[in-house]
Amino acid sequence: MALKTKPPQSGPIERLVHVPADGVTLEGALAVPAGARGIVLFAHGSGSSRHSPRNNFVARALQAGSLGTLLIDLLTEQEDATYETRFDIDLLARRLTSVTAWLGKEPATQRLEIGYFGASTGAAAALKAAAVLGSTIKAVVSRGGRPDLAESALGLVHAPTLLIVGGFDDVVIDLNRQAYARLTCAKELVIVPGATHLFEEPGTLEEVARLATQWFSRYLGSAGRGKP
């Protein structure tokens, strides 16, 4: 008699995870709603962490839109205490690829398509990792990011990429426009009026969450694949 295999868990999942990567163990918060259409891996900016209130706000919006999230610290506490390490884009991108591989093996997430959400320097790491992983990454969103720091990797990114910048963040707007010109994938640049770099102004972070949910819903999961 053939043995019956246990089906993957279909109910909501919310737990702390520990992911081996690059010789260290990274701690993260995994949340997968029932019937999730995909999962979004967050790459935080320098000096931030998985406890970032802004990224957690966006993560909750994504979860409400039937998307799983993984907010994870790409650096250990000791590494994060070193200024230079915070800006080591290659190291952060390498860690992202390791966490992405873990998602592909974890029973709760292995069937879900993967997107990246990057903030500040984390956006550059997300784009570099997306360039390496090719079709494995289905979409990228950058919030107040520094995609210019991804340099030559920009032309190798295949994942549809959304760049979100605050309307009062003049320097970062220019840097995003330069990076946007170098991207050859499906792309969009949205400037949120009245927002500064951290999107602390009323309604601006809600707009970021709305735009991100819309973008990932479009490109993650078979129901949204291929929509213009």
Protein backbone atom coordinates (compact mmCIF):
# COMPACT_ATOMS: atom_id res chain seq x y z
CA MET A 1 0.00 0.00 0.00
CA ALA A 2 1.39 3.40 -0.99
CA LEU A 3 2.24 5.74 1.88
CA LYS A 4 0.35 9.01 1.97
CA THR A 5 2.52 12.08 2.08
CA LYS A 6 1.56 14.84 4.48
CA PRO A 7 0.29 17.91 2.61
CA PRO A 8 2.03 21.23 3.26
CA GLN A 9 0.51 23.37 6.01
CA SER A 10 -2.22 25.54 4.51
CA GLY A 11 -3.13 27.62 7.57
CA PRO A 12 -1.47 30.89 8.57
CA ILE A 13 2.11 30.72 9.86
CA GLU A 14 3.85 33.24 12.08
CA ARG A 15 7.12 32.35 13.77
CA LEU A 16 10.70 33.29 14.49
CA VAL A 17 13.23 31.62 12.18
CA HIS A 18 16.99 31.15 12.25
CA VAL A 19 18.69 30.90 8.88
CA PRO A 20 22.30 29.79 8.35
CA ALA A 21 24.04 32.09 5.88
CA ASP A 22 27.65 32.86 5.10
CA GLY A 23 28.97 31.21 8.27
CA VAL A 24 26.57 32.98 10.66
CA THR A 25 22.97 32.52 11.79
CA LEU A 26 20.45 35.20 10.85
CA GLU A 27 17.26 35.78 12.83
CA GLY A 28 14.00 36.71 11.17
CA ALA A 29 10.23 36.90 11.50
CA LEU A 30 8.30 34.75 9.03
CA ALA A 31 4.60 35.31 8.37
CA VAL A 32 2.66 33.36 5.75
CA PRO A 33 -1.12 33.93 5.52
CA ALA A 34 -3.39 31.11 4.45
CA GLY A 35 -3.54 30.85 0.67
CA ALA A 36 -0.51 33.10 0.16
CA ARG A 37 0.23 33.87 -3.49
CA GLY A 38 3.92 34.61 -2.88
CA ILE A 39 6.44 35.77 -0.31
CA VAL A 40 8.39 39.01 0.05
CA LEU A 41 11.87 39.05 1.59
CA PHE A 42 12.81 42.37 3.19
CA ALA A 43 16.31 43.87 2.90
CA HIS A 44 16.64 46.62 5.51
CA GLY A 45 18.76 49.72 5.18
CA SER A 46 21.92 50.54 7.10
CA GLY A 47 21.32 50.94 10.82
CA SER A 48 17.86 49.37 10.59
CA SER A 49 16.63 45.89 11.49
CA ARG A 50 13.71 43.52 11.20
CA HIS A 51 12.08 45.55 14.00
CA SER A 52 11.84 48.62 11.74
CA PRO A 53 8.34 50.07 12.31
CA ARG A 54 8.16 51.25 8.69
CA ASN A 55 9.01 47.88 7.17
CA ASN A 56 6.70 46.11 9.62
CA PHE A 57 3.90 48.44 8.56
CA VAL A 58 4.47 47.52 4.91
CA ALA A 59 4.75 43.84 5.82
CA ARG A 60 1.33 43.88 7.50
CA ALA A 61 -0.18 45.45 4.40
CA LEU A 62 1.37 42.74 2.23
CA GLN A 63 0.06 40.03 4.54
CA ALA A 64 -3.43 41.54 4.27
CA GLY A 65 -3.00 41.23 0.51
CA SER A 66 -2.35 37.45 0.78
CA LEU A 67 1.43 37.73 0.57
CA GLY A 68 3.88 36.12 2.95
CA THR A 69 6.74 38.15 4.42
CA LEU A 70 10.15 37.46 5.89
CA LEU A 71 11.78 40.32 7.79
CA ILE A 72 15.31 39.23 8.60
CA ASP A 73 18.47 40.82 9.94
CA LEU A 74 21.14 40.33 7.28
CA LEU A 75 23.89 41.25 9.75
CA THR A 76 24.60 39.95 13.24
CA GLU A 77 24.65 42.45 16.11
CA GLN A 78 28.46 42.45 16.04
CA GLU A 79 28.58 43.06 12.29
CA ASP A 80 25.98 45.81 12.46
CA ALA A 81 28.11 47.67 15.00
CA THR A 82 30.75 48.19 12.29
CA TYR A 83 29.98 51.15 10.03
CA GLU A 84 31.77 49.72 6.99
CA THR A 85 29.92 46.41 7.18
CA ARG A 86 26.56 48.20 7.05
CA PHE A 87 27.50 49.50 3.61
CA ASP A 88 29.02 46.26 2.30
CA ILE A 89 26.48 45.76 -0.50
CA ASP A 90 28.17 42.59 -1.78
CA LEU A 91 27.98 41.00 1.68
CA LEU A 92 24.31 41.95 2.08
CA ALA A 93 23.48 40.60 -1.39
CA ARG A 94 25.28 37.35 -0.60
CA ARG A 95 23.26 36.95 2.58
CA LEU A 96 20.05 37.63 0.64
CA THR A 97 20.84 34.85 -1.83
CA SER A 98 21.43 32.45 1.07
CA VAL A 99 18.11 33.36 2.70
CA THR A 100 16.39 33.01 -0.66
CA ALA A 101 17.80 29.49 -1.00
CA TRP A 102 16.46 28.70 2.48
CA LEU A 103 12.98 29.89 1.45
CA GLY A 104 13.14 27.51 -1.51
CA LYS A 105 13.69 24.55 0.83
CA GLU A 106 11.43 25.50 3.75
CA PRO A 107 8.16 23.50 3.52
CA ALA A 108 6.00 26.54 4.34
CA THR A 109 7.49 28.65 1.55
CA GLN A 110 9.10 26.40 -1.05
CA ARG A 111 6.14 26.62 -3.43
CA LEU A 112 5.81 30.41 -3.20
CA GLU A 113 7.23 32.83 -5.73
CA ILE A 114 9.69 35.29 -4.21
CA GLY A 115 9.96 39.07 -4.32
CA TYR A 116 12.36 41.51 -2.63
CA PHE A 117 11.50 44.71 -0.77
CA GLY A 118 14.57 46.88 -0.16
CA ALA A 119 14.94 50.11 1.80
CA SER A 120 17.91 52.51 1.60
CA THR A 121 21.10 50.46 1.07
CA GLY A 122 19.00 47.28 1.27
CA ALA A 123 17.55 48.18 -2.13
CA ALA A 124 21.00 47.94 -3.71
CA ALA A 125 21.58 44.56 -2.07
CA ALA A 126 18.17 43.35 -3.31
CA LEU A 127 18.95 44.38 -6.88
CA LYS A 128 22.40 42.78 -6.80
CA ALA A 129 20.93 39.54 -5.47
CA ALA A 130 18.13 39.67 -8.05
CA ALA A 131 20.72 40.07 -10.81
CA VAL A 132 22.51 36.92 -9.59
CA LEU A 133 19.37 34.83 -9.10
CA GLY A 134 17.67 35.76 -12.36
CA SER A 135 14.20 34.29 -12.82
CA THR A 136 14.08 33.06 -9.21
CA ILE A 137 13.14 36.59 -8.13
CA LYS A 138 9.81 37.69 -9.62
CA ALA A 139 9.62 41.32 -8.46
CA VAL A 140 11.58 44.00 -6.59
CA VAL A 141 10.35 47.10 -4.76
CA SER A 142 12.66 49.84 -3.46
CA ARG A 143 11.51 52.33 -0.78
CA GLY A 144 13.67 55.44 -0.49
CA GLY A 145 16.43 53.21 -1.80
CA ARG A 146 19.92 53.61 -3.16
CA PRO A 147 19.64 51.44 -6.28
CA ASP A 148 22.58 53.34 -7.74
CA LEU A 149 24.84 51.40 -5.34
CA ALA A 150 24.01 48.21 -7.26
CA GLU A 151 26.17 49.69 -10.06
CA SER A 152 26.79 47.34 -13.00
CA ALA A 153 24.30 44.76 -11.68
CA LEU A 154 21.40 47.03 -12.65
CA GLY A 155 21.56 45.99 -16.30
CA LEU A 156 21.38 42.32 -15.30
CA VAL A 157 18.17 42.52 -13.28
CA HIS A 158 15.27 40.65 -14.90
CA ALA A 159 12.68 41.05 -12.14
CA PRO A 160 10.12 43.84 -12.65
CA THR A 161 11.32 46.68 -10.42
CA LEU A 162 9.39 49.50 -8.73
CA LEU A 163 11.36 52.44 -7.34
CA ILE A 164 9.47 54.55 -4.75
CA VAL A 165 10.97 57.88 -3.67
CA GLY A 166 9.74 60.74 -1.50
CA GLY A 167 8.99 63.98 -3.32
CA PHE A 168 11.13 66.02 -0.91
CA ASP A 169 14.11 63.63 -1.13
CA ASP A 170 15.85 65.56 -3.92
CA VAL A 171 19.26 63.84 -3.89
CA VAL A 172 17.76 60.35 -3.77
CA ILE A 173 15.32 61.23 -6.56
CA ASP A 174 18.27 62.03 -8.83
CA LEU A 175 20.08 58.83 -7.85
CA ASN A 176 16.94 56.77 -8.52
CA ARG A 177 16.47 58.40 -11.91
CA GLN A 178 20.04 57.49 -12.84
CA ALA A 179 19.50 53.89 -11.71
CA TYR A 180 16.12 53.73 -13.47
CA ALA A 181 17.79 54.64 -16.76
CA ARG A 182 20.19 51.69 -16.37
CA LEU A 183 17.50 49.11 -15.62
CA THR A 184 16.44 47.09 -18.66
CA CYS A 185 13.66 45.08 -16.96
CA ALA A 186 10.01 46.06 -16.62
CA LYS A 187 10.22 49.09 -14.36
CA GLU A 188 8.43 52.03 -12.82
CA LEU A 189 9.55 55.07 -10.80
CA VAL A 190 6.97 56.62 -8.47
CA ILE A 191 7.59 59.85 -6.56
CA VAL A 192 5.29 60.20 -3.53
CA PRO A 193 4.36 63.88 -3.10
CA GLY A 194 5.06 65.48 0.27
CA ALA A 195 7.28 62.66 1.52
CA THR A 196 10.80 62.90 2.91
CA HIS A 197 13.31 60.05 3.01
CA LEU A 198 11.67 58.11 5.85
CA PHE A 199 8.07 58.61 4.68
CA GLU A 200 7.06 59.88 8.11
CA GLU A 201 4.51 62.38 6.82
CA PRO A 202 0.78 61.53 7.20
CA GLY A 203 -0.44 59.12 4.53
CA THR A 204 2.92 58.68 2.79
CA LEU A 205 3.85 55.29 4.26
CA GLU A 206 0.32 54.09 3.53
CA GLU A 207 0.93 55.03 -0.10
CA VAL A 208 4.19 53.06 -0.11
CA ALA A 209 2.35 50.03 1.29
CA ARG A 210 -0.39 50.37 -1.32
CA LEU A 211 2.07 50.65 -4.20
CA ALA A 212 4.16 47.71 -2.96
CA THR A 213 1.12 45.48 -2.45
CA GLN A 214 -0.12 46.33 -5.92
CA TRP A 215 3.27 45.60 -7.51
CA PHE A 216 3.84 42.29 -5.78
CA SER A 217 0.25 41.18 -6.36
CA ARG A 218 0.77 41.83 -10.05
CA TYR A 219 3.93 39.75 -10.40
CA LEU A 220 3.84 37.08 -7.66
CA GLY A 221 1.69 34.01 -8.11
CA SER A 222 0.28 32.50 -11.28
CA ALA A 223 -2.87 34.61 -11.06
CA GLY A 224 -0.90 37.79 -11.45
CA ARG A 225 1.87 36.67 -13.76
CA GLY A 226 2.14 38.49 -17.04
CA LYS A 227 -0.28 41.31 -16.34
CA PRO A 228 0.81 44.64 -17.80
